[in-house]
Amino acid sequence: MSVLEQLKAASVVVADTGDFNAIKEFQPTDATTNPSLILAASKMEQYAALIDEAVTYAKEHAKGHQEIVEAAMDRLFVVFGKEILKTIPGRVSTEVDARLSFDSQASIDRALGLIAQYEKEGISRDRILIKLASTWEGIQAANFLFLESQHGIHCNMTLLFNFEQAVACAESGVTLISPFVGRIMDWFVKNTDQKAYTRKDDPGVVSVTRIFNYYKKYDYKTQVMAASFRNTEEIKGLVGCDLLTISPALLKQLATETEAAPVVLSTSHAKQLDMPKVSIDEKTFRWALNEDAMATEKLAEGIRNFAKDARTLEKLIEAKI
């Protein structure tokens, strides 16, 4: 049995790509997208028609150049999501513009618009995860979308790098978080003397393990979807995590490996751990980020990079308007 098959028996495997062919090849349960992945797919000739479809839709539903560009961007994410959902049994994650990461109301409005478009296509909101950055404002938007309103919209909190972000998400009742394993490790490689890690001491793996155990010990319903892996060792260090979102390159590697991949994360083990319960308000959240150089830097960098790729996508769209 391949490592990939063993993973599928212990965790929900998610494809981290906007490439439909890769999704079909590895048959994941769910799929995630973001501006960087959609940008990469949009540059492939076979997906050019989707950009044309998004632009046509925007011209029919918006007025003025900037409104048309924004409408086409949202529509592009929806048409990619719609196509992806034809190939998977589960959910697709669709990201709200990263430039709204510090504006709760704008994030809510954009999320409602995305869900409305999916539902007009006959796709239930239960099959959509709205991705929001794990800023304080993003977490409050997710709380409103699922708990404080009648919308019942599920959210996937992305760009999550530390424990306090995770606790704030759980206390807000969000559906799912995406801690970025590899990007955490990247920071430690760059900023400390240690340049190599095993699956047991990798700082990204250690961080996700702590979050998973805390959630299970205190019966939080929020699920953990470990993301942004740099190698298969990190993945093997988190077997049993609720979900694992994995790039096509690493999925292919896992499909060829045949070593034993035992479960390392479990609710039964977490229940036995001595972990104090904490509560995170806004002041605690912001101070914890301030004190955590890695989380602060990687969160800001992630938002900037997603925003940069969104602007590049806009240029592709503008060329067709």
C-alpha atoms as a PDB file:
ATOM      1  CA  MET A   1       0.000   0.000   0.000  1.00  0.00           C
ATOM      2  CA  SER A   2       1.367   3.414  -0.955  1.00  0.00           C
ATOM      3  CA  VAL A   3       1.883   6.167   1.593  1.00  0.00           C
ATOM      4  CA  LEU A   4      -0.848   8.138  -0.180  1.00  0.00           C
ATOM      5  CA  GLU A   5      -3.318   5.295   0.313  1.00  0.00           C
ATOM      6  CA  GLN A   6      -2.368   5.082   3.987  1.00  0.00           C
ATOM      7  CA  LEU A   7      -2.882   8.840   4.344  1.00  0.00           C
ATOM      8  CA  LYS A   8      -6.344   8.623   2.803  1.00  0.00           C
ATOM      9  CA  ALA A   9      -7.269   6.022   5.418  1.00  0.00           C
ATOM     10  CA  ALA A  10      -6.267   8.305   8.306  1.00  0.00           C
ATOM     11  CA  SER A  11      -6.894  11.869   7.072  1.00  0.00           C
ATOM     12  CA  VAL A  12      -8.938  13.663   4.428  1.00  0.00           C
ATOM     13  CA  VAL A  13      -6.544  14.318   1.549  1.00  0.00           C
ATOM     14  CA  VAL A  14      -7.048  17.632  -0.258  1.00  0.00           C
ATOM     15  CA  ALA A  15      -5.470  18.715  -3.557  1.00  0.00           C
ATOM     16  CA  ASP A  16      -3.694  22.062  -3.275  1.00  0.00           C
ATOM     17  CA  THR A  17      -4.051  23.134  -6.908  1.00  0.00           C
ATOM     18  CA  GLY A  18      -6.262  24.785  -9.483  1.00  0.00           C
ATOM     19  CA  ASP A  19      -5.240  22.285 -12.174  1.00  0.00           C
ATOM     20  CA  PHE A  20      -8.219  20.037 -12.949  1.00  0.00           C
ATOM     21  CA  ASN A  21      -6.066  17.343 -14.546  1.00  0.00           C
ATOM     22  CA  ALA A  22      -3.947  16.982 -11.399  1.00  0.00           C
ATOM     23  CA  ILE A  23      -7.099  16.742  -9.297  1.00  0.00           C
ATOM     24  CA  LYS A  24      -8.493  13.992 -11.507  1.00  0.00           C
ATOM     25  CA  GLU A  25      -5.226  12.063 -11.318  1.00  0.00           C
ATOM     26  CA  PHE A  26      -5.002  11.876  -7.527  1.00  0.00           C
ATOM     27  CA  GLN A  27      -8.728  11.736  -6.658  1.00  0.00           C
ATOM     28  CA  PRO A  28      -8.686  13.812  -3.451  1.00  0.00           C
ATOM     29  CA  THR A  29     -11.806  14.427  -1.371  1.00  0.00           C
ATOM     30  CA  ASP A  30     -11.514  18.244  -1.371  1.00  0.00           C
ATOM     31  CA  ALA A  31      -9.507  20.893  -3.202  1.00  0.00           C
ATOM     32  CA  THR A  32      -8.120  24.288  -2.231  1.00  0.00           C
ATOM     33  CA  THR A  33      -7.411  27.323  -4.395  1.00  0.00           C
ATOM     34  CA  ASN A  34      -5.834  30.720  -3.808  1.00  0.00           C
ATOM     35  CA  PRO A  35      -4.752  33.622  -6.051  1.00  0.00           C
ATOM     36  CA  SER A  36      -1.324  32.076  -6.637  1.00  0.00           C
ATOM     37  CA  LEU A  37      -2.771  28.711  -7.704  1.00  0.00           C
ATOM     38  CA  ILE A  38      -5.444  30.291  -9.905  1.00  0.00           C
ATOM     39  CA  LEU A  39      -2.797  32.518 -11.486  1.00  0.00           C
ATOM     40  CA  ALA A  40      -0.635  29.493 -12.293  1.00  0.00           C
ATOM     41  CA  ALA A  41      -3.589  27.629 -13.818  1.00  0.00           C
ATOM     42  CA  SER A  42      -4.791  30.698 -15.723  1.00  0.00           C
ATOM     43  CA  LYS A  43      -1.485  30.803 -17.594  1.00  0.00           C
ATOM     44  CA  MET A  44      -2.182  27.326 -18.992  1.00  0.00           C
ATOM     45  CA  GLU A  45      -3.689  27.425 -22.469  1.00  0.00           C
ATOM     46  CA  GLN A  46      -6.384  24.873 -21.625  1.00  0.00           C
ATOM     47  CA  TYR A  47      -7.906  27.249 -19.067  1.00  0.00           C
ATOM     48  CA  ALA A  48      -7.972  30.418 -21.202  1.00  0.00           C
ATOM     49  CA  ALA A  49     -11.683  29.920 -21.908  1.00  0.00           C
ATOM     50  CA  LEU A  50     -12.447  30.288 -18.197  1.00  0.00           C
ATOM     51  CA  ILE A  51     -10.948  33.773 -18.158  1.00  0.00           C
ATOM     52  CA  ASP A  52     -13.051  34.645 -21.202  1.00  0.00           C
ATOM     53  CA  GLU A  53     -16.148  33.328 -19.410  1.00  0.00           C
ATOM     54  CA  ALA A  54     -15.368  35.406 -16.320  1.00  0.00           C
ATOM     55  CA  VAL A  55     -14.845  38.576 -18.361  1.00  0.00           C
ATOM     56  CA  THR A  56     -18.079  38.050 -20.289  1.00  0.00           C
ATOM     57  CA  TYR A  57     -19.989  37.584 -17.034  1.00  0.00           C
ATOM     58  CA  ALA A  58     -18.442  40.712 -15.505  1.00  0.00           C
ATOM     59  CA  LYS A  59     -19.321  42.879 -18.498  1.00  0.00           C
ATOM     60  CA  GLU A  60     -22.933  41.769 -18.183  1.00  0.00           C
ATOM     61  CA  HIS A  61     -23.173  42.316 -14.412  1.00  0.00           C
ATOM     62  CA  ALA A  62     -20.956  45.336 -13.644  1.00  0.00           C
ATOM     63  CA  LYS A  63     -20.422  48.865 -14.875  1.00  0.00           C
ATOM     64  CA  GLY A  64     -17.228  50.855 -15.051  1.00  0.00           C
ATOM     65  CA  HIS A  65     -13.751  49.491 -15.613  1.00  0.00           C
ATOM     66  CA  GLN A  66     -12.786  48.810 -11.991  1.00  0.00           C
ATOM     67  CA  GLU A  67     -16.116  47.190 -11.116  1.00  0.00           C
ATOM     68  CA  ILE A  68     -15.824  44.946 -14.180  1.00  0.00           C
ATOM     69  CA  VAL A  69     -12.291  43.880 -13.175  1.00  0.00           C
ATOM     70  CA  GLU A  70     -13.408  43.080  -9.605  1.00  0.00           C
ATOM     71  CA  ALA A  71     -16.452  41.193 -10.834  1.00  0.00           C
ATOM     72  CA  ALA A  72     -14.338  39.212 -13.292  1.00  0.00           C
ATOM     73  CA  MET A  73     -11.865  38.288 -10.539  1.00  0.00           C
ATOM     74  CA  ASP A  74     -14.609  36.899  -8.322  1.00  0.00           C
ATOM     75  CA  ARG A  75     -16.210  35.133 -11.253  1.00  0.00           C
ATOM     76  CA  LEU A  76     -12.895  33.536 -12.226  1.00  0.00           C
ATOM     77  CA  PHE A  77     -12.609  31.967  -8.768  1.00  0.00           C
ATOM     78  CA  VAL A  78     -16.185  30.723  -9.015  1.00  0.00           C
ATOM     79  CA  VAL A  79     -15.810  29.169 -12.485  1.00  0.00           C
ATOM     80  CA  PHE A  80     -12.615  27.417 -11.383  1.00  0.00           C
ATOM     81  CA  GLY A  81     -14.370  26.213  -8.255  1.00  0.00           C
ATOM     82  CA  LYS A  82     -17.373  25.011 -10.240  1.00  0.00           C
ATOM     83  CA  GLU A  83     -15.168  22.961 -12.560  1.00  0.00           C
ATOM     84  CA  ILE A  84     -13.169  21.535  -9.665  1.00  0.00           C
ATOM     85  CA  LEU A  85     -16.369  20.416  -7.921  1.00  0.00           C
ATOM     86  CA  LYS A  86     -17.208  18.293 -10.958  1.00  0.00           C
ATOM     87  CA  THR A  87     -14.169  16.129 -10.206  1.00  0.00           C
ATOM     88  CA  ILE A  88     -14.267  15.796  -6.397  1.00  0.00           C
ATOM     89  CA  PRO A  89     -16.905  14.510  -3.952  1.00  0.00           C
ATOM     90  CA  GLY A  90     -16.244  17.104  -1.268  1.00  0.00           C
ATOM     91  CA  ARG A  91     -15.617  20.838  -0.979  1.00  0.00           C
ATOM     92  CA  VAL A  92     -13.588  23.512  -2.711  1.00  0.00           C
ATOM     93  CA  SER A  93     -12.004  26.468  -0.932  1.00  0.00           C
ATOM     94  CA  THR A  94     -12.455  29.845  -2.643  1.00  0.00           C
ATOM     95  CA  GLU A  95     -10.466  32.804  -1.367  1.00  0.00           C
ATOM     96  CA  VAL A  96     -11.647  36.319  -0.636  1.00  0.00           C
ATOM     97  CA  ASP A  97      -9.317  39.010  -2.000  1.00  0.00           C
ATOM     98  CA  ALA A  98      -6.323  39.232   0.371  1.00  0.00           C
ATOM     99  CA  ARG A  99      -6.425  43.028   0.082  1.00  0.00           C
ATOM    100  CA  LEU A 100      -9.543  42.886   2.292  1.00  0.00           C
ATOM    101  CA  SER A 101      -7.698  41.080   5.117  1.00  0.00           C
ATOM    102  CA  PHE A 102      -8.105  43.999   7.527  1.00  0.00           C
ATOM    103  CA  ASP A 103     -11.714  44.861   6.622  1.00  0.00           C
ATOM    104  CA  SER A 104     -14.285  42.560   8.218  1.00  0.00           C
ATOM    105  CA  GLN A 105     -17.358  44.038   6.535  1.00  0.00           C
ATOM    106  CA  ALA A 106     -15.813  44.078   3.061  1.00  0.00           C
ATOM    107  CA  SER A 107     -14.738  40.455   3.538  1.00  0.00           C
ATOM    108  CA  ILE A 108     -18.279  39.501   4.581  1.00  0.00           C
ATOM    109  CA  ASP A 109     -19.783  41.281   1.577  1.00  0.00           C
ATOM    110  CA  ARG A 110     -17.359  39.606  -0.832  1.00  0.00           C
ATOM    111  CA  ALA A 111     -17.982  36.179   0.708  1.00  0.00           C
ATOM    112  CA  LEU A 112     -21.740  36.575   0.397  1.00  0.00           C
ATOM    113  CA  GLY A 113     -21.296  37.530  -3.250  1.00  0.00           C
ATOM    114  CA  LEU A 114     -19.193  34.450  -3.971  1.00  0.00           C
ATOM    115  CA  ILE A 115     -21.702  32.148  -2.288  1.00  0.00           C
ATOM    116  CA  ALA A 116     -24.569  33.769  -4.215  1.00  0.00           C
ATOM    117  CA  GLN A 117     -22.788  33.054  -7.495  1.00  0.00           C
ATOM    118  CA  TYR A 118     -22.172  29.429  -6.573  1.00  0.00           C
ATOM    119  CA  GLU A 119     -25.804  28.940  -5.580  1.00  0.00           C
ATOM    120  CA  LYS A 120     -27.004  30.441  -8.864  1.00  0.00           C
ATOM    121  CA  GLU A 121     -24.968  27.662 -10.494  1.00  0.00           C
ATOM    122  CA  GLY A 122     -26.867  25.101  -8.413  1.00  0.00           C
ATOM    123  CA  ILE A 123     -23.979  24.467  -6.002  1.00  0.00           C
ATOM    124  CA  SER A 124     -24.840  24.260  -2.308  1.00  0.00           C
ATOM    125  CA  ARG A 125     -22.956  26.485   0.122  1.00  0.00           C
ATOM    126  CA  ASP A 126     -22.134  23.332   2.074  1.00  0.00           C
ATOM    127  CA  ARG A 127     -19.671  22.443  -0.701  1.00  0.00           C
ATOM    128  CA  ILE A 128     -17.847  25.777  -0.450  1.00  0.00           C
ATOM    129  CA  LEU A 129     -15.258  26.924   2.075  1.00  0.00           C
ATOM    130  CA  ILE A 130     -14.643  30.672   1.977  1.00  0.00           C
ATOM    131  CA  LYS A 131     -10.949  31.340   2.581  1.00  0.00           C
ATOM    132  CA  LEU A 132     -10.039  34.310   4.730  1.00  0.00           C
ATOM    133  CA  ALA A 133      -6.686  35.395   6.128  1.00  0.00           C
ATOM    134  CA  SER A 134      -6.250  34.666   9.852  1.00  0.00           C
ATOM    135  CA  THR A 135      -6.106  38.315  10.875  1.00  0.00           C
ATOM    136  CA  TRP A 136      -8.312  39.451  13.758  1.00  0.00           C
ATOM    137  CA  GLU A 137     -10.611  41.068  11.194  1.00  0.00           C
ATOM    138  CA  GLY A 138     -10.731  37.926   9.076  1.00  0.00           C
ATOM    139  CA  ILE A 139     -11.630  35.783  12.086  1.00  0.00           C
ATOM    140  CA  GLN A 140     -14.452  38.156  13.041  1.00  0.00           C
ATOM    141  CA  ALA A 141     -15.778  37.997   9.480  1.00  0.00           C
ATOM    142  CA  ALA A 142     -15.769  34.191   9.633  1.00  0.00           C
ATOM    143  CA  ASN A 143     -17.555  34.264  12.977  1.00  0.00           C
ATOM    144  CA  PHE A 144     -20.311  36.422  11.489  1.00  0.00           C
ATOM    145  CA  LEU A 145     -20.645  34.370   8.320  1.00  0.00           C
ATOM    146  CA  PHE A 146     -21.171  31.105  10.209  1.00  0.00           C
ATOM    147  CA  LEU A 147     -22.375  31.795  13.748  1.00  0.00           C
ATOM    148  CA  GLU A 148     -23.674  35.332  14.188  1.00  0.00           C
ATOM    149  CA  SER A 149     -25.908  35.401  11.118  1.00  0.00           C
ATOM    150  CA  GLN A 150     -28.345  33.073   9.422  1.00  0.00           C
ATOM    151  CA  HIS A 151     -25.938  32.514   6.559  1.00  0.00           C
ATOM    152  CA  GLY A 152     -24.262  29.320   7.808  1.00  0.00           C
ATOM    153  CA  ILE A 153     -21.280  29.910   5.514  1.00  0.00           C
ATOM    154  CA  HIS A 154     -18.270  27.699   6.225  1.00  0.00           C
ATOM    155  CA  CYS A 155     -14.831  29.322   6.278  1.00  0.00           C
ATOM    156  CA  ASN A 156     -11.273  28.125   5.878  1.00  0.00           C
ATOM    157  CA  MET A 157      -8.880  30.377   7.786  1.00  0.00           C
ATOM    158  CA  THR A 158      -5.640  30.577   5.847  1.00  0.00           C
ATOM    159  CA  LEU A 159      -2.210  32.080   6.558  1.00  0.00           C
ATOM    160  CA  LEU A 160      -2.252  30.709  10.084  1.00  0.00           C
ATOM    161  CA  PHE A 161       1.132  30.552  11.783  1.00  0.00           C
ATOM    162  CA  ASN A 162       0.721  30.479  15.554  1.00  0.00           C
ATOM    163  CA  PHE A 163      -1.237  29.008  18.443  1.00  0.00           C
ATOM    164  CA  GLU A 164      -3.122  32.184  19.362  1.00  0.00           C
ATOM    165  CA  GLN A 165      -4.472  32.545  15.834  1.00  0.00           C
ATOM    166  CA  ALA A 166      -5.692  28.954  16.053  1.00  0.00           C
ATOM    167  CA  VAL A 167      -7.379  29.399  19.435  1.00  0.00           C
ATOM    168  CA  ALA A 168      -9.102  32.594  18.276  1.00  0.00           C
ATOM    169  CA  CYS A 169     -10.431  30.712  15.246  1.00  0.00           C
ATOM    170  CA  ALA A 170     -11.762  27.856  17.370  1.00  0.00           C
ATOM    171  CA  GLU A 171     -13.407  30.218  19.840  1.00  0.00           C
ATOM    172  CA  SER A 172     -15.080  31.967  16.895  1.00  0.00           C
ATOM    173  CA  GLY A 173     -16.522  28.666  15.685  1.00  0.00           C
ATOM    174  CA  VAL A 174     -14.915  28.633  12.255  1.00  0.00           C
ATOM    175  CA  THR A 175     -15.161  25.403  10.270  1.00  0.00           C
ATOM    176  CA  LEU A 176     -11.526  24.860   9.386  1.00  0.00           C
ATOM    177  CA  ILE A 177      -8.024  26.312   9.738  1.00  0.00           C
ATOM    178  CA  SER A 178      -5.017  25.976   7.434  1.00  0.00           C
ATOM    179  CA  PRO A 179      -1.749  26.243   9.404  1.00  0.00           C
ATOM    180  CA  PHE A 180       1.167  26.620   6.978  1.00  0.00           C
ATOM    181  CA  VAL A 181       3.668  23.944   7.961  1.00  0.00           C
ATOM    182  CA  GLY A 182       6.337  24.593   5.364  1.00  0.00           C
ATOM    183  CA  ARG A 183       6.344  28.356   5.648  1.00  0.00           C
ATOM    184  CA  ILE A 184       6.924  28.074   9.400  1.00  0.00           C
ATOM    185  CA  MET A 185       9.885  25.817   8.736  1.00  0.00           C
ATOM    186  CA  ASP A 186      11.168  28.218   6.039  1.00  0.00           C
ATOM    187  CA  TRP A 187      11.368  31.015   8.595  1.00  0.00           C
ATOM    188  CA  PHE A 188      13.343  28.949  11.088  1.00  0.00           C
ATOM    189  CA  VAL A 189      15.778  27.759   8.406  1.00  0.00           C
ATOM    190  CA  LYS A 190      16.376  31.365   7.359  1.00  0.00           C
ATOM    191  CA  ASN A 191      16.552  32.909  10.822  1.00  0.00           C
ATOM    192  CA  THR A 192      18.210  30.288  13.045  1.00  0.00           C
ATOM    193  CA  ASP A 193      21.350  28.180  12.968  1.00  0.00           C
ATOM    194  CA  GLN A 194      19.443  24.936  12.373  1.00  0.00           C
ATOM    195  CA  LYS A 195      19.082  24.298   8.644  1.00  0.00           C
ATOM    196  CA  ALA A 196      17.606  20.788   8.566  1.00  0.00           C
ATOM    197  CA  TYR A 197      14.761  19.122  10.442  1.00  0.00           C
ATOM    198  CA  THR A 198      13.174  15.706  10.830  1.00  0.00           C
ATOM    199  CA  ARG A 199       9.465  15.039  10.901  1.00  0.00           C
ATOM    200  CA  LYS A 200       9.655  15.040  14.714  1.00  0.00           C
ATOM    201  CA  ASP A 201      11.386  18.384  15.292  1.00  0.00           C
ATOM    202  CA  ASP A 202      10.203  20.351  12.244  1.00  0.00           C
ATOM    203  CA  PRO A 203       8.780  23.583  13.793  1.00  0.00           C
ATOM    204  CA  GLY A 204       5.790  23.555  11.438  1.00  0.00           C
ATOM    205  CA  VAL A 205       4.932  19.987  12.385  1.00  0.00           C
ATOM    206  CA  VAL A 206       5.393  20.802  16.079  1.00  0.00           C
ATOM    207  CA  SER A 207       3.059  23.817  15.756  1.00  0.00           C
ATOM    208  CA  VAL A 208       0.280  21.892  14.016  1.00  0.00           C
ATOM    209  CA  THR A 209       0.605  19.009  16.479  1.00  0.00           C
ATOM    210  CA  ARG A 210       0.071  21.405  19.390  1.00  0.00           C
ATOM    211  CA  ILE A 211      -2.975  22.975  17.741  1.00  0.00           C
ATOM    212  CA  PHE A 212      -4.515  19.613  16.812  1.00  0.00           C
ATOM    213  CA  ASN A 213      -4.035  18.264  20.342  1.00  0.00           C
ATOM    214  CA  TYR A 214      -5.512  21.395  21.910  1.00  0.00           C
ATOM    215  CA  TYR A 215      -8.591  21.291  19.674  1.00  0.00           C
ATOM    216  CA  LYS A 216      -9.237  17.613  20.396  1.00  0.00           C
ATOM    217  CA  LYS A 217      -8.593  17.884  24.131  1.00  0.00           C
ATOM    218  CA  TYR A 218     -11.187  20.632  24.512  1.00  0.00           C
ATOM    219  CA  ASP A 219     -13.669  19.303  21.943  1.00  0.00           C
ATOM    220  CA  TYR A 220     -13.527  22.192  19.511  1.00  0.00           C
ATOM    221  CA  LYS A 221     -15.379  21.419  16.287  1.00  0.00           C
ATOM    222  CA  THR A 222     -12.963  23.448  14.156  1.00  0.00           C
ATOM    223  CA  GLN A 223     -10.932  21.103  11.968  1.00  0.00           C
ATOM    224  CA  VAL A 224      -7.211  21.343  11.253  1.00  0.00           C
ATOM    225  CA  MET A 225      -6.062  21.176   7.633  1.00  0.00           C
ATOM    226  CA  ALA A 226      -2.272  21.226   7.583  1.00  0.00           C
ATOM    227  CA  ALA A 227      -0.993  23.043   4.488  1.00  0.00           C
ATOM    228  CA  SER A 228       2.031  24.365   2.618  1.00  0.00           C
ATOM    229  CA  PHE A 229       4.252  21.294   2.876  1.00  0.00           C
ATOM    230  CA  ARG A 230       7.845  21.415   1.694  1.00  0.00           C
ATOM    231  CA  ASN A 231       8.487  17.664   1.703  1.00  0.00           C
ATOM    232  CA  THR A 232       6.815  14.332   2.403  1.00  0.00           C
ATOM    233  CA  GLU A 233       8.519  14.019   5.785  1.00  0.00           C
ATOM    234  CA  GLU A 234       6.389  16.876   7.103  1.00  0.00           C
ATOM    235  CA  ILE A 235       3.265  15.106   5.841  1.00  0.00           C
ATOM    236  CA  LYS A 236       4.255  11.800   7.454  1.00  0.00           C
ATOM    237  CA  GLY A 237       4.752  13.661  10.715  1.00  0.00           C
ATOM    238  CA  LEU A 238       1.076  14.661  10.725  1.00  0.00           C
ATOM    239  CA  VAL A 239      -0.738  11.457   9.733  1.00  0.00           C
ATOM    240  CA  GLY A 240      -4.111  11.530  11.451  1.00  0.00           C
ATOM    241  CA  CYS A 241      -4.577  15.287  11.144  1.00  0.00           C
ATOM    242  CA  ASP A 242      -8.174  16.066  10.157  1.00  0.00           C
ATOM    243  CA  LEU A 243      -7.185  17.146   6.657  1.00  0.00           C
ATOM    244  CA  LEU A 244      -3.935  17.474   4.704  1.00  0.00           C
ATOM    245  CA  THR A 245      -3.812  19.745   1.647  1.00  0.00           C
ATOM    246  CA  ILE A 246      -0.986  18.623  -0.617  1.00  0.00           C
ATOM    247  CA  SER A 247       0.480  19.867  -3.900  1.00  0.00           C
ATOM    248  CA  PRO A 248       0.353  17.611  -6.993  1.00  0.00           C
ATOM    249  CA  ALA A 249       4.138  17.128  -6.921  1.00  0.00           C
ATOM    250  CA  LEU A 250       4.067  15.776  -3.370  1.00  0.00           C
ATOM    251  CA  LEU A 251       0.921  13.732  -4.037  1.00  0.00           C
ATOM    252  CA  LYS A 252       2.774  12.057  -6.885  1.00  0.00           C
ATOM    253  CA  GLN A 253       5.744  11.325  -4.637  1.00  0.00           C
ATOM    254  CA  LEU A 254       3.528   9.888  -1.892  1.00  0.00           C
ATOM    255  CA  ALA A 255       1.793   7.667  -4.430  1.00  0.00           C
ATOM    256  CA  THR A 256       5.143   6.017  -5.263  1.00  0.00           C
ATOM    257  CA  GLU A 257       6.379   5.566  -1.673  1.00  0.00           C
ATOM    258  CA  THR A 258       5.520   2.329   0.138  1.00  0.00           C
ATOM    259  CA  GLU A 259       6.976   2.694   3.648  1.00  0.00           C
ATOM    260  CA  ALA A 260       4.709   2.357   6.668  1.00  0.00           C
ATOM    261  CA  ALA A 261       3.059   5.652   7.630  1.00  0.00           C
ATOM    262  CA  PRO A 262       1.626   5.160  11.125  1.00  0.00           C
ATOM    263  CA  VAL A 263      -0.974   7.480  12.607  1.00  0.00           C
ATOM    264  CA  VAL A 264       0.691  10.017  14.906  1.00  0.00           C
ATOM    265  CA  LEU A 265      -2.214  12.332  15.745  1.00  0.00           C
ATOM    266  CA  SER A 266      -5.356  11.103  17.489  1.00  0.00           C
ATOM    267  CA  THR A 267      -8.128  12.406  19.708  1.00  0.00           C
ATOM    268  CA  SER A 268      -7.549   9.657  22.275  1.00  0.00           C
ATOM    269  CA  HIS A 269      -3.914  10.691  22.743  1.00  0.00           C
ATOM    270  CA  ALA A 270      -4.801  14.397  22.886  1.00  0.00           C
ATOM    271  CA  LYS A 271      -7.346  13.813  25.636  1.00  0.00           C
ATOM    272  CA  GLN A 272      -4.581  12.490  27.904  1.00  0.00           C
ATOM    273  CA  LEU A 273      -2.321  15.514  27.548  1.00  0.00           C
ATOM    274  CA  ASP A 274      -1.855  18.175  30.219  1.00  0.00           C
ATOM    275  CA  MET A 275      -2.627  21.371  28.308  1.00  0.00           C
ATOM    276  CA  PRO A 276      -4.096  24.415  30.072  1.00  0.00           C
ATOM    277  CA  LYS A 277      -7.109  26.019  28.443  1.00  0.00           C
ATOM    278  CA  VAL A 278      -6.698  29.622  27.320  1.00  0.00           C
ATOM    279  CA  SER A 279      -8.961  32.333  25.967  1.00  0.00           C
ATOM    280  CA  ILE A 280      -7.984  34.838  23.286  1.00  0.00           C
ATOM    281  CA  ASP A 281      -9.466  38.321  23.071  1.00  0.00           C
ATOM    282  CA  GLU A 282      -8.359  40.985  20.606  1.00  0.00           C
ATOM    283  CA  LYS A 283      -5.673  42.454  22.879  1.00  0.00           C
ATOM    284  CA  THR A 284      -4.202  39.025  23.607  1.00  0.00           C
ATOM    285  CA  PHE A 285      -4.316  38.119  19.916  1.00  0.00           C
ATOM    286  CA  ARG A 286      -2.520  41.245  18.743  1.00  0.00           C
ATOM    287  CA  TRP A 287       0.111  41.094  21.486  1.00  0.00           C
ATOM    288  CA  ALA A 288       0.844  37.412  20.793  1.00  0.00           C
ATOM    289  CA  LEU A 289       1.404  38.207  17.115  1.00  0.00           C
ATOM    290  CA  ASN A 290       3.592  41.160  18.044  1.00  0.00           C
ATOM    291  CA  GLU A 291       5.744  38.892  20.217  1.00  0.00           C
ATOM    292  CA  ASP A 292       5.973  36.180  17.544  1.00  0.00           C
ATOM    293  CA  ALA A 293       8.340  37.430  14.853  1.00  0.00           C
ATOM    294  CA  MET A 294       7.810  34.370  12.677  1.00  0.00           C
ATOM    295  CA  ALA A 295       4.004  34.607  12.684  1.00  0.00           C
ATOM    296  CA  THR A 296       4.007  38.370  12.158  1.00  0.00           C
ATOM    297  CA  GLU A 297       6.439  38.227   9.257  1.00  0.00           C
ATOM    298  CA  LYS A 298       4.886  35.218   7.520  1.00  0.00           C
ATOM    299  CA  LEU A 299       1.319  36.532   7.866  1.00  0.00           C
ATOM    300  CA  ALA A 300       2.286  39.903   6.377  1.00  0.00           C
ATOM    301  CA  GLU A 301       4.355  38.245   3.652  1.00  0.00           C
ATOM    302  CA  GLY A 302       1.529  35.874   2.762  1.00  0.00           C
ATOM    303  CA  ILE A 303      -1.011  38.675   2.438  1.00  0.00           C
ATOM    304  CA  ARG A 304       1.401  40.716   0.312  1.00  0.00           C
ATOM    305  CA  ASN A 305       2.140  37.797  -2.006  1.00  0.00           C
ATOM    306  CA  PHE A 306      -1.521  36.862  -2.466  1.00  0.00           C
ATOM    307  CA  ALA A 307      -2.282  40.530  -3.162  1.00  0.00           C
ATOM    308  CA  LYS A 308       0.581  40.666  -5.681  1.00  0.00           C
ATOM    309  CA  ASP A 309      -0.734  37.616  -7.528  1.00  0.00           C
ATOM    310  CA  ALA A 310      -4.239  39.084  -7.463  1.00  0.00           C
ATOM    311  CA  ARG A 311      -2.922  42.210  -9.187  1.00  0.00           C
ATOM    312  CA  THR A 312      -1.205  40.037 -11.806  1.00  0.00           C
ATOM    313  CA  LEU A 313      -4.477  38.185 -12.379  1.00  0.00           C
ATOM    314  CA  GLU A 314      -6.214  41.525 -12.808  1.00  0.00           C
ATOM    315  CA  LYS A 315      -3.760  42.440 -15.562  1.00  0.00           C
ATOM    316  CA  LEU A 316      -4.598  39.192 -17.390  1.00  0.00           C
ATOM    317  CA  ILE A 317      -8.262  40.059 -17.104  1.00  0.00           C
ATOM    318  CA  GLU A 318      -7.778  43.687 -18.167  1.00  0.00           C
ATOM    319  CA  ALA A 319      -6.066  42.499 -21.328  1.00  0.00           C
ATOM    320  CA  LYS A 320      -9.313  40.783 -22.310  1.00  0.00           C
ATOM    321  CA  ILE A 321     -11.708  43.615 -21.423  1.00  0.00           C
END
